[in-house]
């Protein structure tokens, strides 16, 4: 079947934007390494994964890179656990990649513990051969419906 641009549709087992295996492995590894840096509460390691313009969007609004890293550096924000509970969905569009996964984590902010189950989407850009995250978005996962 063809669309109005007379371009063939991608086959169902090869979604448009799906990363080649090497790029998929690289981005999946980056996300895992970034999570390890977050659990280590190491602001310098965390910063290495972020572009200067990085922001995180959450239910409380938009937080920029410097503010986020200052929370980590001060010890006001720490993480003791972060685990992917779904494999990452990775799509690459030229020098931009979108990585989405369901993540559980345990964080402490201002002395209070927060256990989260979230869908996360990270947008990476490739600059000078390196991938850096420019945007992270987190959305609380819906509770499973029970009887």
Protein backbone atom coordinates (compact mmCIF):
# COMPACT_ATOMS: atom_id res chain seq x y z
CA UNK A 1 0.00 0.00 0.00
CA UNK A 2 1.27 3.48 -0.80
CA UNK A 3 0.61 6.82 0.82
CA UNK A 4 -0.14 10.05 -1.02
CA UNK A 5 3.61 10.67 -1.47
CA UNK A 6 3.89 7.38 -3.39
CA UNK A 7 6.39 6.17 -0.79
CA UNK A 8 6.23 2.53 0.30
CA UNK A 9 5.10 1.99 3.87
CA UNK A 10 7.67 0.30 6.13
CA UNK A 11 7.06 -3.38 6.75
CA UNK A 12 5.34 -4.15 10.09
CA UNK A 13 8.43 -5.88 11.50
CA UNK A 14 10.69 -2.91 10.69
CA UNK A 15 9.03 0.23 12.07
CA UNK A 16 10.02 3.51 10.49
CA UNK A 17 12.74 5.10 12.56
CA UNK A 18 13.83 1.84 14.18
CA UNK A 19 17.52 2.06 15.01
CA UNK A 20 20.04 -0.18 13.31
CA UNK A 21 21.35 -2.80 15.78
CA UNK A 22 24.62 -0.98 16.54
CA UNK A 23 22.92 2.37 17.18
CA UNK A 24 20.18 0.66 19.21
CA UNK A 25 22.81 -1.04 21.39
CA UNK A 26 24.74 2.20 21.83
CA UNK A 27 21.68 4.22 22.86
CA UNK A 28 20.40 1.46 25.16
CA UNK A 29 23.83 1.35 26.82
CA UNK A 30 23.88 5.14 27.19
CA UNK A 31 20.51 5.06 28.95
CA UNK A 32 21.70 2.29 31.29
CA UNK A 33 24.95 4.15 32.06
CA UNK A 34 23.04 7.36 32.70
CA UNK A 35 20.73 5.54 35.14
CA UNK A 36 23.80 4.16 36.94
CA UNK A 37 25.23 7.69 37.23
CA UNK A 38 21.91 8.88 38.68
CA UNK A 39 21.86 6.08 41.27
CA UNK A 40 25.49 6.92 42.11
CA UNK A 41 24.30 10.50 42.74
CA UNK A 42 27.31 11.71 40.77
CA UNK A 43 26.44 15.11 39.26
CA UNK A 44 29.54 15.16 37.04
CA UNK A 45 28.75 11.74 35.53
CA UNK A 46 25.08 12.69 35.13
CA UNK A 47 26.03 15.94 33.35
CA UNK A 48 28.12 14.02 30.80
CA UNK A 49 24.92 12.57 29.30
CA UNK A 50 23.14 15.94 29.01
CA UNK A 51 23.38 18.70 26.43
CA UNK A 52 23.76 22.18 27.89
CA UNK A 53 20.14 22.97 26.98
CA UNK A 54 18.73 19.80 28.62
CA UNK A 55 15.48 20.11 30.57
CA UNK A 56 13.24 17.62 32.31
CA UNK A 57 9.47 17.94 32.08
CA UNK A 58 7.49 16.41 34.91
CA UNK A 59 4.21 16.91 36.74
CA UNK A 60 5.83 19.87 38.55
CA UNK A 61 6.84 21.64 35.33
CA UNK A 62 10.16 22.24 33.57
CA UNK A 63 13.49 21.99 35.39
CA UNK A 64 16.69 23.01 33.60
CA UNK A 65 20.03 21.21 33.66
CA UNK A 66 21.78 23.54 36.12
CA UNK A 67 18.93 23.41 38.62
CA UNK A 68 18.68 19.62 38.44
CA UNK A 69 22.44 19.16 38.84
CA UNK A 70 22.47 21.63 41.77
CA UNK A 71 19.86 19.48 43.56
CA UNK A 72 22.09 16.42 43.05
CA UNK A 73 25.29 18.23 44.06
CA UNK A 74 23.69 19.57 47.26
CA UNK A 75 22.37 16.15 48.23
CA UNK A 76 18.79 17.45 48.23
CA UNK A 77 17.97 14.97 45.44
CA UNK A 78 19.31 11.43 45.57
CA UNK A 79 18.33 8.16 43.96
CA UNK A 80 18.85 4.74 45.50
CA UNK A 81 17.28 2.64 42.74
CA UNK A 82 16.39 2.94 39.07
CA UNK A 83 15.27 -0.01 36.97
CA UNK A 84 13.81 -0.34 33.50
CA UNK A 85 10.78 -2.61 33.54
CA UNK A 86 10.24 -2.50 29.78
CA UNK A 87 12.85 -2.73 27.05
CA UNK A 88 13.58 0.70 25.59
CA UNK A 89 11.73 1.69 22.44
CA UNK A 90 14.39 3.43 20.39
CA UNK A 91 13.67 5.39 17.22
CA UNK A 92 16.32 7.28 15.29
CA UNK A 93 15.54 10.08 12.86
CA UNK A 94 18.83 11.29 11.41
CA UNK A 95 20.81 12.88 14.24
CA UNK A 96 17.87 12.72 16.68
CA UNK A 97 16.83 9.69 18.73
CA UNK A 98 13.80 9.14 20.93
CA UNK A 99 14.08 6.56 23.72
CA UNK A 100 10.97 5.57 25.68
CA UNK A 101 10.74 3.04 28.53
CA UNK A 102 8.86 2.34 31.72
CA UNK A 103 11.11 2.93 34.74
CA UNK A 104 10.74 2.41 38.46
CA UNK A 105 12.91 4.39 40.81
CA UNK A 106 13.37 5.37 44.41
CA UNK A 107 14.35 8.96 45.04
CA UNK A 108 14.80 11.09 48.11
CA UNK A 109 14.06 14.79 47.89
CA UNK A 110 14.31 17.09 50.87
CA UNK A 111 14.48 14.09 53.19
CA UNK A 112 11.28 12.47 51.88
CA UNK A 113 11.27 9.17 49.99
CA UNK A 114 9.48 8.89 46.67
CA UNK A 115 8.88 5.59 44.87
CA UNK A 116 7.94 6.18 41.26
CA UNK A 117 6.67 4.07 38.38
CA UNK A 118 6.99 6.26 35.29
CA UNK A 119 7.08 6.30 31.54
CA UNK A 120 10.17 8.19 30.48
CA UNK A 121 10.99 9.66 27.11
CA UNK A 122 14.47 10.98 26.40
CA UNK A 123 15.33 12.90 23.24
CA UNK A 124 18.97 12.63 22.19
CA UNK A 125 20.84 14.54 19.50
CA UNK A 126 24.08 13.46 17.87
CA UNK A 127 26.70 16.20 17.81
CA UNK A 128 30.28 15.62 16.70
CA UNK A 129 29.60 11.88 16.83
CA UNK A 130 28.36 11.86 20.45
CA UNK A 131 24.77 11.45 21.64
CA UNK A 132 23.58 13.92 24.29
CA UNK A 133 20.12 14.18 25.83
CA UNK A 134 18.32 17.48 25.22
CA UNK A 135 14.96 16.63 26.80
CA UNK A 136 13.62 14.16 29.34
CA UNK A 137 9.92 13.79 29.96
CA UNK A 138 8.40 11.69 32.73
CA UNK A 139 4.78 10.66 33.11
CA UNK A 140 3.45 8.61 36.02
CA UNK A 141 2.43 5.14 34.85
CA UNK A 142 -1.22 4.24 35.31
CA UNK A 143 -1.91 1.74 38.08
CA UNK A 144 -2.98 -1.62 36.76
CA UNK A 145 -6.71 -2.05 36.97
CA UNK A 146 -7.71 -4.64 39.48
CA UNK A 147 -10.94 -6.40 40.38
